[in-house]
């Protein structure tokens, strides 16, 4: 029988379990910070996430189907969030000529302003990370990307656009060696991307 990472008798003897428990605490902080930010602007957490995503991503990603996959939610849930944002005059819909049921989401001036403000909700988390030495940051990033890659392979994360899942990426012989065929250059661990505009999923 497997031991729970939250069983303290086991956790205190297992570094793996300590890491999981630490990630769970950080996840709690994300939820709290996002909830606090959403309350300030009378929005739901998913509405805030949609605004931030639309602010920083290209038009082909600003559609209901993509957003549903991005946030692991149903199209109906995302559509409800978008309907509410439209009523609050934070977004506008641009319907596509070839399919009037499909539309691209654009931020209004008011929506862009709120999106910029709410996108800073993780600022307290950045403070201790910024204090880490660069080698530690690179090692931490590489480890987190490996975890994300496994979770994506297990079907628990439906959409991600990081280097490790990109067809342009090639791992080197050494653990710290990475290569991007699109940029035609070697990358350090610190240069690996979690969300890349040019990402193309490995077939």
N, C-alpha and C. Protein backbone atom coordinates (compact mmCIF):
# COMPACT_ATOMS: atom_id res chain seq x y z
N UNK A 1 0.84 -1.20 0.00
CA UNK A 1 0.00 0.00 0.00
C UNK A 1 0.89 1.25 0.00
N UNK A 2 0.58 2.18 -0.89
CA UNK A 2 1.37 3.40 -0.98
C UNK A 2 1.09 4.31 0.21
N UNK A 3 2.10 5.02 0.63
CA UNK A 3 1.96 5.97 1.72
C UNK A 3 1.53 7.33 1.19
N UNK A 4 0.71 8.02 1.95
CA UNK A 4 0.28 9.37 1.58
C UNK A 4 1.39 10.37 1.85
N UNK A 5 1.55 11.30 0.94
CA UNK A 5 2.54 12.36 1.13
C UNK A 5 2.16 13.26 2.31
N UNK A 6 0.92 13.16 2.77
CA UNK A 6 0.45 14.01 3.87
C UNK A 6 0.46 13.28 5.22
N UNK A 7 0.89 12.02 5.22
CA UNK A 7 1.10 11.27 6.45
C UNK A 7 2.42 11.74 7.05
N UNK A 8 2.34 12.48 8.15
CA UNK A 8 3.54 13.12 8.70
C UNK A 8 4.60 12.11 9.12
N UNK A 9 4.19 10.95 9.58
CA UNK A 9 5.16 9.92 9.97
C UNK A 9 6.00 9.48 8.78
N UNK A 10 5.37 9.48 7.59
CA UNK A 10 6.08 9.12 6.36
C UNK A 10 6.73 10.35 5.73
N UNK A 11 5.99 11.47 5.73
CA UNK A 11 6.47 12.68 5.07
C UNK A 11 7.82 13.14 5.62
N UNK A 12 7.97 13.08 6.93
CA UNK A 12 9.20 13.59 7.54
C UNK A 12 10.42 12.72 7.24
N UNK A 13 10.19 11.55 6.69
CA UNK A 13 11.30 10.67 6.30
C UNK A 13 11.51 10.62 4.79
N UNK A 14 10.66 11.34 4.05
CA UNK A 14 10.70 11.27 2.59
C UNK A 14 10.81 12.66 1.98
N UNK A 15 11.92 12.93 1.31
CA UNK A 15 12.07 14.23 0.66
C UNK A 15 11.07 14.41 -0.47
N UNK A 16 10.70 13.30 -1.15
CA UNK A 16 9.69 13.37 -2.21
C UNK A 16 8.38 13.90 -1.65
N UNK A 17 7.98 13.37 -0.50
CA UNK A 17 6.72 13.80 0.12
C UNK A 17 6.80 15.24 0.60
N UNK A 18 7.97 15.65 1.09
CA UNK A 18 8.14 17.03 1.53
C UNK A 18 7.99 17.99 0.35
N UNK A 19 8.50 17.60 -0.81
CA UNK A 19 8.38 18.44 -2.01
C UNK A 19 6.91 18.55 -2.42
N UNK A 20 6.20 17.42 -2.40
CA UNK A 20 4.78 17.44 -2.76
C UNK A 20 4.00 18.32 -1.80
N UNK A 21 4.26 18.18 -0.51
CA UNK A 21 3.57 18.99 0.49
C UNK A 21 3.88 20.48 0.30
N UNK A 22 5.12 20.78 -0.09
CA UNK A 22 5.51 22.17 -0.34
C UNK A 22 4.79 22.74 -1.56
N UNK A 23 4.71 21.94 -2.62
CA UNK A 23 3.98 22.38 -3.82
C UNK A 23 2.51 22.61 -3.52
N UNK A 24 1.95 21.76 -2.64
CA UNK A 24 0.53 21.91 -2.28
C UNK A 24 0.30 23.22 -1.53
N UNK A 25 1.25 23.59 -0.67
CA UNK A 25 1.12 24.85 0.06
C UNK A 25 1.22 26.05 -0.89
N UNK A 26 2.13 25.96 -1.84
CA UNK A 26 2.26 27.04 -2.83
C UNK A 26 1.00 27.14 -3.67
N UNK A 27 0.40 25.98 -4.03
CA UNK A 27 -0.85 25.98 -4.78
C UNK A 27 -1.96 26.67 -3.99
N UNK A 28 -1.97 26.47 -2.68
CA UNK A 28 -2.95 27.14 -1.83
C UNK A 28 -2.78 28.65 -1.90
N UNK A 29 -1.53 29.10 -1.89
CA UNK A 29 -1.25 30.53 -1.96
C UNK A 29 -1.72 31.12 -3.28
N UNK A 30 -1.50 30.39 -4.37
CA UNK A 30 -1.99 30.83 -5.68
C UNK A 30 -3.50 31.05 -5.63
N UNK A 31 -4.20 30.08 -5.06
CA UNK A 31 -5.67 30.19 -5.00
C UNK A 31 -6.10 31.38 -4.14
N UNK A 32 -5.43 31.57 -3.01
CA UNK A 32 -5.78 32.68 -2.11
C UNK A 32 -5.51 34.03 -2.78
N UNK A 33 -4.33 34.17 -3.39
CA UNK A 33 -3.98 35.43 -4.04
C UNK A 33 -4.92 35.75 -5.20
N UNK A 34 -5.24 34.72 -5.98
CA UNK A 34 -6.15 34.91 -7.12
C UNK A 34 -7.55 35.28 -6.62
N UNK A 35 -7.99 34.64 -5.55
CA UNK A 35 -9.32 34.94 -5.01
C UNK A 35 -9.38 36.37 -4.47
N UNK A 36 -8.33 36.80 -3.77
CA UNK A 36 -8.29 38.16 -3.24
C UNK A 36 -8.33 39.19 -4.37
N UNK A 37 -7.59 38.90 -5.43
CA UNK A 37 -7.56 39.81 -6.58
C UNK A 37 -8.91 39.88 -7.26
N UNK A 38 -9.57 38.74 -7.40
CA UNK A 38 -10.86 38.70 -8.07
C UNK A 38 -11.93 39.44 -7.27
N UNK A 39 -11.87 39.34 -5.94
CA UNK A 39 -12.85 40.04 -5.09
C UNK A 39 -12.72 41.55 -5.22
N UNK A 40 -11.49 42.02 -5.35
CA UNK A 40 -11.27 43.47 -5.45
C UNK A 40 -11.97 44.07 -6.66
N UNK A 41 -12.06 43.29 -7.76
CA UNK A 41 -12.68 43.81 -8.98
C UNK A 41 -14.05 43.18 -9.24
N UNK A 42 -14.61 42.51 -8.23
CA UNK A 42 -15.94 41.89 -8.33
C UNK A 42 -16.00 40.90 -9.50
N UNK A 43 -14.96 40.09 -9.62
CA UNK A 43 -14.87 39.08 -10.66
C UNK A 43 -14.68 37.71 -10.01
N UNK A 44 -14.91 36.66 -10.77
CA UNK A 44 -14.60 35.32 -10.29
C UNK A 44 -13.15 35.00 -10.65
N UNK A 45 -12.52 34.04 -9.96
CA UNK A 45 -11.14 33.68 -10.31
C UNK A 45 -10.95 33.32 -11.77
N UNK A 46 -11.87 32.55 -12.36
CA UNK A 46 -11.71 32.17 -13.76
C UNK A 46 -11.85 33.38 -14.68
N UNK A 47 -12.68 34.35 -14.31
CA UNK A 47 -12.80 35.56 -15.12
C UNK A 47 -11.49 36.33 -15.12
N UNK A 48 -10.84 36.39 -13.97
CA UNK A 48 -9.53 37.05 -13.89
C UNK A 48 -8.51 36.30 -14.75
N UNK A 49 -8.52 34.97 -14.68
CA UNK A 49 -7.58 34.17 -15.46
C UNK A 49 -7.79 34.37 -16.95
N UNK A 50 -9.04 34.47 -17.37
CA UNK A 50 -9.35 34.69 -18.79
C UNK A 50 -8.82 36.05 -19.23
N UNK A 51 -9.06 37.08 -18.42
CA UNK A 51 -8.58 38.42 -18.78
C UNK A 51 -7.06 38.43 -18.95
N UNK A 52 -6.35 37.82 -18.01
CA UNK A 52 -4.89 37.79 -18.06
C UNK A 52 -4.41 37.01 -19.28
N UNK A 53 -5.05 35.88 -19.55
CA UNK A 53 -4.64 35.06 -20.69
C UNK A 53 -4.85 35.81 -22.01
N UNK A 54 -6.01 36.44 -22.15
CA UNK A 54 -6.31 37.19 -23.38
C UNK A 54 -5.34 38.35 -23.56
N UNK A 55 -4.93 38.96 -22.46
CA UNK A 55 -4.00 40.09 -22.53
C UNK A 55 -2.67 39.71 -23.17
N UNK A 56 -2.18 38.50 -22.87
CA UNK A 56 -0.83 38.14 -23.28
C UNK A 56 -0.74 37.09 -24.39
N UNK A 57 -1.86 36.67 -24.96
CA UNK A 57 -1.80 35.62 -25.99
C UNK A 57 -2.45 36.05 -27.30
N UNK A 58 -2.04 35.38 -28.35
CA UNK A 58 -2.45 35.74 -29.72
C UNK A 58 -3.91 35.38 -30.00
N UNK A 59 -4.42 35.91 -31.08
CA UNK A 59 -5.83 35.77 -31.41
C UNK A 59 -6.29 34.32 -31.56
N UNK A 60 -5.46 33.46 -32.15
CA UNK A 60 -5.90 32.09 -32.36
C UNK A 60 -6.10 31.34 -31.05
N UNK A 61 -5.54 31.87 -29.96
CA UNK A 61 -5.70 31.25 -28.64
C UNK A 61 -6.83 31.89 -27.84
N UNK A 62 -7.40 32.96 -28.37
CA UNK A 62 -8.44 33.69 -27.64
C UNK A 62 -9.84 33.28 -28.11
N UNK A 63 -10.05 31.97 -28.10
CA UNK A 63 -11.34 31.40 -28.48
C UNK A 63 -11.82 30.46 -27.39
N UNK A 64 -13.13 30.23 -27.35
CA UNK A 64 -13.73 29.44 -26.29
C UNK A 64 -13.11 28.05 -26.19
N UNK A 65 -12.96 27.37 -27.32
CA UNK A 65 -12.45 26.00 -27.30
C UNK A 65 -11.02 25.96 -26.76
N UNK A 66 -10.20 26.92 -27.14
CA UNK A 66 -8.81 26.93 -26.65
C UNK A 66 -8.77 27.25 -25.16
N UNK A 67 -9.56 28.21 -24.74
CA UNK A 67 -9.60 28.58 -23.33
C UNK A 67 -10.09 27.42 -22.46
N UNK A 68 -11.07 26.67 -22.96
CA UNK A 68 -11.58 25.52 -22.22
C UNK A 68 -10.48 24.49 -22.01
N UNK A 69 -9.68 24.26 -23.05
CA UNK A 69 -8.57 23.33 -22.95
C UNK A 69 -7.48 23.87 -22.05
N UNK A 70 -7.19 25.15 -22.17
CA UNK A 70 -6.15 25.80 -21.37
C UNK A 70 -6.42 25.67 -19.87
N UNK A 71 -7.67 25.88 -19.48
CA UNK A 71 -8.01 25.89 -18.05
C UNK A 71 -8.70 24.60 -17.60
N UNK A 72 -8.70 23.58 -18.47
CA UNK A 72 -9.30 22.29 -18.12
C UNK A 72 -10.75 22.44 -17.64
N UNK A 73 -11.52 23.22 -18.38
CA UNK A 73 -12.92 23.44 -18.05
C UNK A 73 -13.78 23.17 -19.27
N UNK A 74 -15.09 23.05 -19.05
CA UNK A 74 -15.99 22.82 -20.17
C UNK A 74 -16.18 24.11 -20.96
N UNK A 75 -16.58 23.97 -22.22
CA UNK A 75 -16.85 25.15 -23.04
C UNK A 75 -17.98 25.97 -22.43
N UNK A 76 -18.96 25.29 -21.81
CA UNK A 76 -20.09 25.99 -21.21
C UNK A 76 -19.63 26.90 -20.07
N UNK A 77 -18.70 26.39 -19.25
CA UNK A 77 -18.18 27.19 -18.13
C UNK A 77 -17.43 28.41 -18.63
N UNK A 78 -16.59 28.21 -19.65
CA UNK A 78 -15.84 29.33 -20.22
C UNK A 78 -16.79 30.32 -20.88
N UNK A 79 -17.79 29.82 -21.58
CA UNK A 79 -18.77 30.70 -22.23
C UNK A 79 -19.50 31.56 -21.21
N UNK A 80 -19.83 30.98 -20.06
CA UNK A 80 -20.49 31.75 -18.99
C UNK A 80 -19.58 32.86 -18.48
N UNK A 81 -18.29 32.53 -18.31
CA UNK A 81 -17.33 33.53 -17.84
C UNK A 81 -17.20 34.66 -18.86
N UNK A 82 -17.15 34.31 -20.13
CA UNK A 82 -17.03 35.31 -21.19
C UNK A 82 -18.29 36.17 -21.28
N UNK A 83 -19.45 35.55 -21.11
CA UNK A 83 -20.71 36.29 -21.13
C UNK A 83 -20.73 37.34 -20.02
N UNK A 84 -20.27 36.95 -18.83
CA UNK A 84 -20.23 37.88 -17.71
C UNK A 84 -19.24 39.02 -17.96
N UNK A 85 -18.08 38.68 -18.51
CA UNK A 85 -17.08 39.71 -18.82
C UNK A 85 -17.59 40.68 -19.88
N UNK A 86 -18.36 40.17 -20.82
CA UNK A 86 -18.93 41.03 -21.86
C UNK A 86 -19.97 41.97 -21.25
N UNK A 87 -20.78 41.45 -20.34
CA UNK A 87 -21.79 42.28 -19.68
C UNK A 87 -21.15 43.39 -18.85
N UNK A 88 -19.96 43.09 -18.31
CA UNK A 88 -19.24 44.09 -17.52
C UNK A 88 -18.38 44.99 -18.40
N UNK A 89 -18.50 44.82 -19.71
CA UNK A 89 -17.82 45.64 -20.71
C UNK A 89 -16.29 45.57 -20.58
N UNK A 90 -15.81 44.35 -20.26
CA UNK A 90 -14.38 44.13 -20.15
C UNK A 90 -13.81 43.43 -21.39
N UNK A 91 -14.67 42.77 -22.15
CA UNK A 91 -14.24 42.13 -23.40
C UNK A 91 -15.26 42.39 -24.51
N UNK A 92 -14.81 42.20 -25.74
CA UNK A 92 -15.68 42.27 -26.91
C UNK A 92 -15.46 41.03 -27.76
N UNK A 93 -16.50 40.60 -28.47
CA UNK A 93 -16.39 39.44 -29.34
C UNK A 93 -16.28 39.88 -30.80
N UNK A 94 -15.36 39.27 -31.52
CA UNK A 94 -15.24 39.50 -32.96
C UNK A 94 -15.58 38.18 -33.67
N UNK A 95 -16.76 38.13 -34.25
CA UNK A 95 -17.21 36.89 -34.89
C UNK A 95 -16.48 36.66 -36.22
N UNK A 96 -16.17 35.41 -36.49
CA UNK A 96 -15.43 35.07 -37.70
C UNK A 96 -16.39 34.98 -38.89
N UNK A 97 -15.93 35.43 -40.04
CA UNK A 97 -16.78 35.50 -41.23
C UNK A 97 -17.20 34.12 -41.70
N UNK A 98 -16.30 33.12 -41.63
CA UNK A 98 -16.61 31.80 -42.16
C UNK A 98 -17.43 30.95 -41.19
N UNK A 99 -17.55 31.41 -39.93
CA UNK A 99 -18.31 30.64 -38.93
C UNK A 99 -18.82 31.61 -37.87
N UNK A 100 -20.08 32.01 -37.99
CA UNK A 100 -20.63 33.02 -37.09
C UNK A 100 -20.84 32.51 -35.66
N UNK A 101 -20.62 31.20 -35.44
CA UNK A 101 -20.71 30.67 -34.09
C UNK A 101 -19.38 30.82 -33.35
N UNK A 102 -18.32 31.05 -34.11
CA UNK A 102 -16.99 31.16 -33.53
C UNK A 102 -16.57 32.63 -33.45
N UNK A 103 -15.88 32.97 -32.38
CA UNK A 103 -15.45 34.36 -32.23
C UNK A 103 -14.12 34.44 -31.49
N UNK A 104 -13.44 35.57 -31.72
CA UNK A 104 -12.19 35.89 -31.05
C UNK A 104 -12.50 36.91 -29.96
N UNK A 105 -11.84 36.77 -28.82
CA UNK A 105 -12.09 37.67 -27.70
C UNK A 105 -11.05 38.79 -27.69
N UNK A 106 -11.54 40.02 -27.55
CA UNK A 106 -10.66 41.18 -27.44
C UNK A 106 -10.98 41.91 -26.14
N UNK A 107 -9.97 42.48 -25.53
CA UNK A 107 -10.17 43.27 -24.32
C UNK A 107 -10.61 44.69 -24.69
N UNK A 108 -11.52 45.23 -23.91
CA UNK A 108 -11.84 46.65 -24.04
C UNK A 108 -10.75 47.42 -23.30
N UNK A 109 -10.80 48.74 -23.39
CA UNK A 109 -9.82 49.56 -22.68
C UNK A 109 -9.90 49.30 -21.17
N UNK A 110 -11.11 49.22 -20.65
CA UNK A 110 -11.32 48.94 -19.23
C UNK A 110 -10.82 47.54 -18.88
N UNK A 111 -11.10 46.58 -19.76
CA UNK A 111 -10.67 45.21 -19.53
C UNK A 111 -9.17 45.08 -19.54
N UNK A 112 -8.51 45.81 -20.44
CA UNK A 112 -7.05 45.77 -20.53
C UNK A 112 -6.43 46.35 -19.26
N UNK A 113 -7.02 47.40 -18.74
CA UNK A 113 -6.51 48.02 -17.52
C UNK A 113 -6.61 47.07 -16.34
N UNK A 114 -7.75 46.40 -16.19
CA UNK A 114 -7.94 45.44 -15.09
C UNK A 114 -7.05 44.22 -15.29
N UNK A 115 -6.89 43.79 -16.53
CA UNK A 115 -6.03 42.63 -16.81
C UNK A 115 -4.59 42.92 -16.40
N UNK A 116 -4.11 44.12 -16.71
CA UNK A 116 -2.74 44.50 -16.33
C UNK A 116 -2.59 44.49 -14.80
N UNK A 117 -3.57 45.05 -14.12
CA UNK A 117 -3.50 45.14 -12.65
C UNK A 117 -3.56 43.75 -12.01
N UNK A 118 -4.48 42.92 -12.47
CA UNK A 118 -4.64 41.60 -11.86
C UNK A 118 -3.50 40.65 -12.21
N UNK A 119 -2.81 40.92 -13.32
CA UNK A 119 -1.71 40.03 -13.74
C UNK A 119 -0.54 40.06 -12.76
N UNK A 120 -0.58 41.00 -11.83
CA UNK A 120 0.48 41.13 -10.83
C UNK A 120 0.14 40.41 -9.53
N UNK A 121 -0.88 39.55 -9.56
CA UNK A 121 -1.33 38.93 -8.31
C UNK A 121 -0.29 38.00 -7.69
N UNK A 122 0.71 37.58 -8.46
CA UNK A 122 1.75 36.68 -7.93
C UNK A 122 2.99 37.42 -7.44
N UNK A 123 2.90 38.73 -7.31
CA UNK A 123 4.10 39.52 -6.98
C UNK A 123 4.77 39.08 -5.68
N UNK A 124 3.99 38.67 -4.67
CA UNK A 124 4.59 38.21 -3.41
C UNK A 124 5.37 36.91 -3.59
N UNK A 125 4.93 36.07 -4.52
CA UNK A 125 5.64 34.82 -4.79
C UNK A 125 6.96 35.08 -5.52
N UNK A 126 6.99 36.15 -6.28
CA UNK A 126 8.21 36.46 -7.04
C UNK A 126 9.35 36.91 -6.13
N UNK A 127 9.02 37.51 -4.99
CA UNK A 127 10.06 38.08 -4.11
C UNK A 127 11.08 37.03 -3.67
N UNK A 128 10.66 35.89 -3.08
CA UNK A 128 11.68 34.91 -2.66
C UNK A 128 12.37 34.23 -3.84
N UNK A 129 11.65 34.09 -4.97
CA UNK A 129 12.26 33.46 -6.15
C UNK A 129 13.36 34.35 -6.71
N UNK A 130 13.12 35.65 -6.74
CA UNK A 130 14.12 36.59 -7.26
C UNK A 130 15.41 36.58 -6.42
N UNK A 131 15.30 36.18 -5.17
CA UNK A 131 16.47 36.15 -4.28
C UNK A 131 17.33 34.90 -4.46
N UNK A 132 16.82 33.90 -5.19
CA UNK A 132 17.58 32.67 -5.40
C UNK A 132 18.78 32.93 -6.32
N UNK A 133 19.89 32.25 -6.11
CA UNK A 133 21.03 32.34 -7.05
C UNK A 133 20.60 31.80 -8.41
N UNK A 134 21.17 32.35 -9.47
CA UNK A 134 20.79 31.94 -10.83
C UNK A 134 20.91 30.43 -11.06
N UNK A 135 21.97 29.76 -10.60
CA UNK A 135 22.05 28.30 -10.81
C UNK A 135 20.88 27.56 -10.15
N UNK A 136 20.45 28.03 -8.98
CA UNK A 136 19.32 27.40 -8.29
C UNK A 136 18.02 27.64 -9.06
N UNK A 137 17.89 28.82 -9.63
CA UNK A 137 16.70 29.12 -10.44
C UNK A 137 16.63 28.18 -11.65
N UNK A 138 17.77 28.00 -12.33
CA UNK A 138 17.81 27.12 -13.50
C UNK A 138 17.47 25.69 -13.13
N UNK A 139 18.01 25.22 -12.02
CA UNK A 139 17.73 23.86 -11.56
C UNK A 139 16.26 23.69 -11.18
N UNK A 140 15.71 24.69 -10.50
CA UNK A 140 14.30 24.65 -10.11
C UNK A 140 13.40 24.65 -11.34
N UNK A 141 13.70 25.51 -12.31
CA UNK A 141 12.90 25.57 -13.53
C UNK A 141 12.93 24.25 -14.28
N UNK A 142 14.12 23.67 -14.44
CA UNK A 142 14.24 22.39 -15.14
C UNK A 142 13.42 21.30 -14.46
N UNK A 143 13.47 21.26 -13.14
CA UNK A 143 12.72 20.26 -12.39
C UNK A 143 11.22 20.44 -12.56
N UNK A 144 10.76 21.70 -12.50
CA UNK A 144 9.33 21.97 -12.67
C UNK A 144 8.86 21.62 -14.08
N UNK A 145 9.68 21.90 -15.08
CA UNK A 145 9.32 21.56 -16.46
C UNK A 145 9.22 20.05 -16.64
N UNK A 146 10.11 19.31 -15.99
CA UNK A 146 10.03 17.84 -16.04
C UNK A 146 8.73 17.34 -15.42
N UNK A 147 8.31 17.96 -14.32
CA UNK A 147 7.05 17.58 -13.67
C UNK A 147 5.87 17.89 -14.57
N UNK A 148 5.89 19.08 -15.18
CA UNK A 148 4.80 19.46 -16.09
C UNK A 148 4.74 18.51 -17.29
N UNK A 149 5.91 18.14 -17.81
CA UNK A 149 5.95 17.22 -18.95
C UNK A 149 5.31 15.88 -18.59
N UNK A 150 5.62 15.37 -17.41
CA UNK A 150 5.04 14.10 -16.97
C UNK A 150 3.52 14.23 -16.81
N UNK A 151 3.06 15.32 -16.20
CA UNK A 151 1.63 15.51 -15.98
C UNK A 151 0.88 15.66 -17.31
N UNK A 152 1.54 16.30 -18.28
CA UNK A 152 0.92 16.41 -19.61
C UNK A 152 0.83 15.05 -20.26
N UNK A 153 1.89 14.26 -20.14
CA UNK A 153 1.88 12.90 -20.70
C UNK A 153 0.84 12.01 -20.06
N UNK A 154 0.54 12.29 -18.78
CA UNK A 154 -0.46 11.51 -18.06
C UNK A 154 -1.88 12.01 -18.31
N UNK A 155 -2.00 13.06 -19.12
CA UNK A 155 -3.31 13.58 -19.47
C UNK A 155 -3.92 14.49 -18.41
N UNK A 156 -3.12 14.92 -17.44
CA UNK A 156 -3.64 15.77 -16.37
C UNK A 156 -3.53 17.25 -16.70
N UNK A 157 -2.64 17.60 -17.63
CA UNK A 157 -2.55 18.96 -18.15
C UNK A 157 -2.79 18.87 -19.64
N UNK A 158 -3.87 19.48 -20.10
CA UNK A 158 -4.25 19.29 -21.50
C UNK A 158 -3.49 20.19 -22.46
N UNK A 159 -3.14 21.39 -22.01
CA UNK A 159 -2.47 22.34 -22.90
C UNK A 159 -1.25 22.92 -22.23
N UNK A 160 -0.14 22.88 -22.89
CA UNK A 160 1.05 23.57 -22.43
C UNK A 160 1.96 23.82 -23.62
N UNK A 161 2.76 24.87 -23.52
CA UNK A 161 3.56 25.33 -24.66
C UNK A 161 5.02 25.52 -24.25
N UNK A 162 5.57 24.54 -23.54
CA UNK A 162 6.94 24.68 -23.06
C UNK A 162 7.93 24.01 -24.00
N UNK A 163 9.21 24.34 -23.80
CA UNK A 163 10.27 23.83 -24.67
C UNK A 163 10.28 22.30 -24.75
N UNK A 164 10.13 21.63 -23.62
CA UNK A 164 10.30 20.18 -23.56
C UNK A 164 9.28 19.41 -24.40
N UNK A 165 8.17 20.05 -24.76
CA UNK A 165 7.17 19.36 -25.58
C UNK A 165 7.12 19.90 -27.01
N UNK A 166 8.10 20.72 -27.37
CA UNK A 166 8.11 21.38 -28.67
C UNK A 166 8.93 20.58 -29.68
N UNK A 167 8.48 20.57 -30.92
CA UNK A 167 9.19 19.81 -31.96
C UNK A 167 10.54 20.46 -32.31
N UNK A 168 10.72 21.70 -31.94
CA UNK A 168 11.99 22.38 -32.22
C UNK A 168 13.05 22.10 -31.15
N UNK A 169 12.63 21.49 -30.04
CA UNK A 169 13.53 21.28 -28.92
C UNK A 169 14.28 19.96 -29.02
N UNK A 170 15.54 20.00 -28.62
CA UNK A 170 16.33 18.77 -28.54
C UNK A 170 17.19 18.82 -27.29
N UNK A 171 17.10 17.76 -26.49
CA UNK A 171 17.92 17.68 -25.28
C UNK A 171 19.35 17.31 -25.67
N UNK A 172 20.30 17.89 -24.98
CA UNK A 172 21.70 17.60 -25.27
C UNK A 172 22.19 16.38 -24.51
N UNK A 173 23.46 16.11 -24.63
CA UNK A 173 24.07 14.97 -23.94
C UNK A 173 24.17 15.21 -22.44
N UNK A 174 24.51 16.44 -22.08
CA UNK A 174 24.59 16.78 -20.67
C UNK A 174 23.25 17.24 -20.14
N UNK A 175 23.08 17.14 -18.83
CA UNK A 175 21.80 17.50 -18.23
C UNK A 175 21.46 18.97 -18.46
N UNK A 176 22.50 19.83 -18.55
CA UNK A 176 22.25 21.25 -18.69
C UNK A 176 22.21 21.71 -20.16
N UNK A 177 22.37 20.79 -21.07
CA UNK A 177 22.40 21.16 -22.49
C UNK A 177 21.03 21.07 -23.12
N UNK A 178 20.62 22.15 -23.79
CA UNK A 178 19.34 22.19 -24.49
C UNK A 178 19.57 22.89 -25.82
N UNK A 179 18.77 22.52 -26.83
CA UNK A 179 18.97 23.15 -28.14
C UNK A 179 17.62 23.43 -28.78
N UNK A 180 17.49 24.64 -29.35
CA UNK A 180 16.28 25.03 -30.07
C UNK A 180 16.61 25.13 -31.55
N UNK A 181 15.97 24.28 -32.37
CA UNK A 181 16.22 24.30 -33.82
C UNK A 181 15.58 25.52 -34.49
N UNK A 182 14.54 26.08 -33.88
CA UNK A 182 13.92 27.27 -34.45
C UNK A 182 14.85 28.47 -34.31
N UNK A 183 15.42 28.63 -33.12
CA UNK A 183 16.36 29.73 -32.89
C UNK A 183 17.77 29.39 -33.36
N UNK A 184 18.00 28.09 -33.60
CA UNK A 184 19.31 27.58 -34.02
C UNK A 184 20.39 27.97 -33.01
N UNK A 185 20.10 27.67 -31.75
CA UNK A 185 21.07 27.99 -30.71
C UNK A 185 20.88 27.12 -29.48
N UNK A 186 21.97 26.99 -28.72
CA UNK A 186 21.94 26.27 -27.46
C UNK A 186 21.29 27.15 -26.40
N UNK A 187 20.52 26.52 -25.52
CA UNK A 187 19.84 27.25 -24.45
C UNK A 187 20.35 26.77 -23.10
N UNK A 188 20.50 27.69 -22.17
CA UNK A 188 20.78 27.31 -20.80
C UNK A 188 19.46 26.93 -20.13
N UNK A 189 19.54 26.32 -18.97
CA UNK A 189 18.33 25.97 -18.24
C UNK A 189 17.49 27.21 -17.95
N UNK A 190 18.15 28.31 -17.67
CA UNK A 190 17.44 29.55 -17.36
C UNK A 190 16.68 30.11 -18.56
N UNK A 191 17.07 29.69 -19.78
CA UNK A 191 16.44 30.22 -21.00
C UNK A 191 15.28 29.37 -21.49
N UNK A 192 15.07 28.22 -20.87
CA UNK A 192 13.93 27.38 -21.26
C UNK A 192 12.62 28.12 -21.02
N UNK A 193 11.66 27.92 -21.91
CA UNK A 193 10.39 28.65 -21.80
C UNK A 193 9.27 27.74 -21.31
N UNK A 194 8.41 28.31 -20.50
CA UNK A 194 7.21 27.61 -20.02
C UNK A 194 6.06 27.85 -20.99
N UNK A 195 6.03 29.02 -21.61
CA UNK A 195 4.97 29.40 -22.53
C UNK A 195 5.59 30.15 -23.69
N UNK A 196 5.74 29.47 -24.83
CA UNK A 196 6.44 30.05 -25.99
C UNK A 196 5.46 30.35 -27.12
N UNK A 197 5.58 31.53 -27.70
CA UNK A 197 4.70 31.93 -28.79
C UNK A 197 4.88 31.06 -30.03
N UNK A 198 6.11 30.54 -30.23
CA UNK A 198 6.40 29.74 -31.44
C UNK A 198 6.27 28.23 -31.20
N UNK A 199 5.73 27.85 -30.05
CA UNK A 199 5.66 26.44 -29.69
C UNK A 199 4.85 25.62 -30.70
N UNK A 200 5.40 24.48 -31.10
CA UNK A 200 4.68 23.51 -31.94
C UNK A 200 4.82 22.14 -31.29
N UNK A 201 3.69 21.56 -30.94
CA UNK A 201 3.68 20.30 -30.20
C UNK A 201 4.30 19.18 -31.02
N UNK A 202 5.04 18.32 -30.36
CA UNK A 202 5.63 17.14 -31.02
C UNK A 202 4.50 16.24 -31.50
N UNK A 203 4.57 15.79 -32.76
CA UNK A 203 3.52 14.93 -33.31
C UNK A 203 3.63 13.51 -32.72
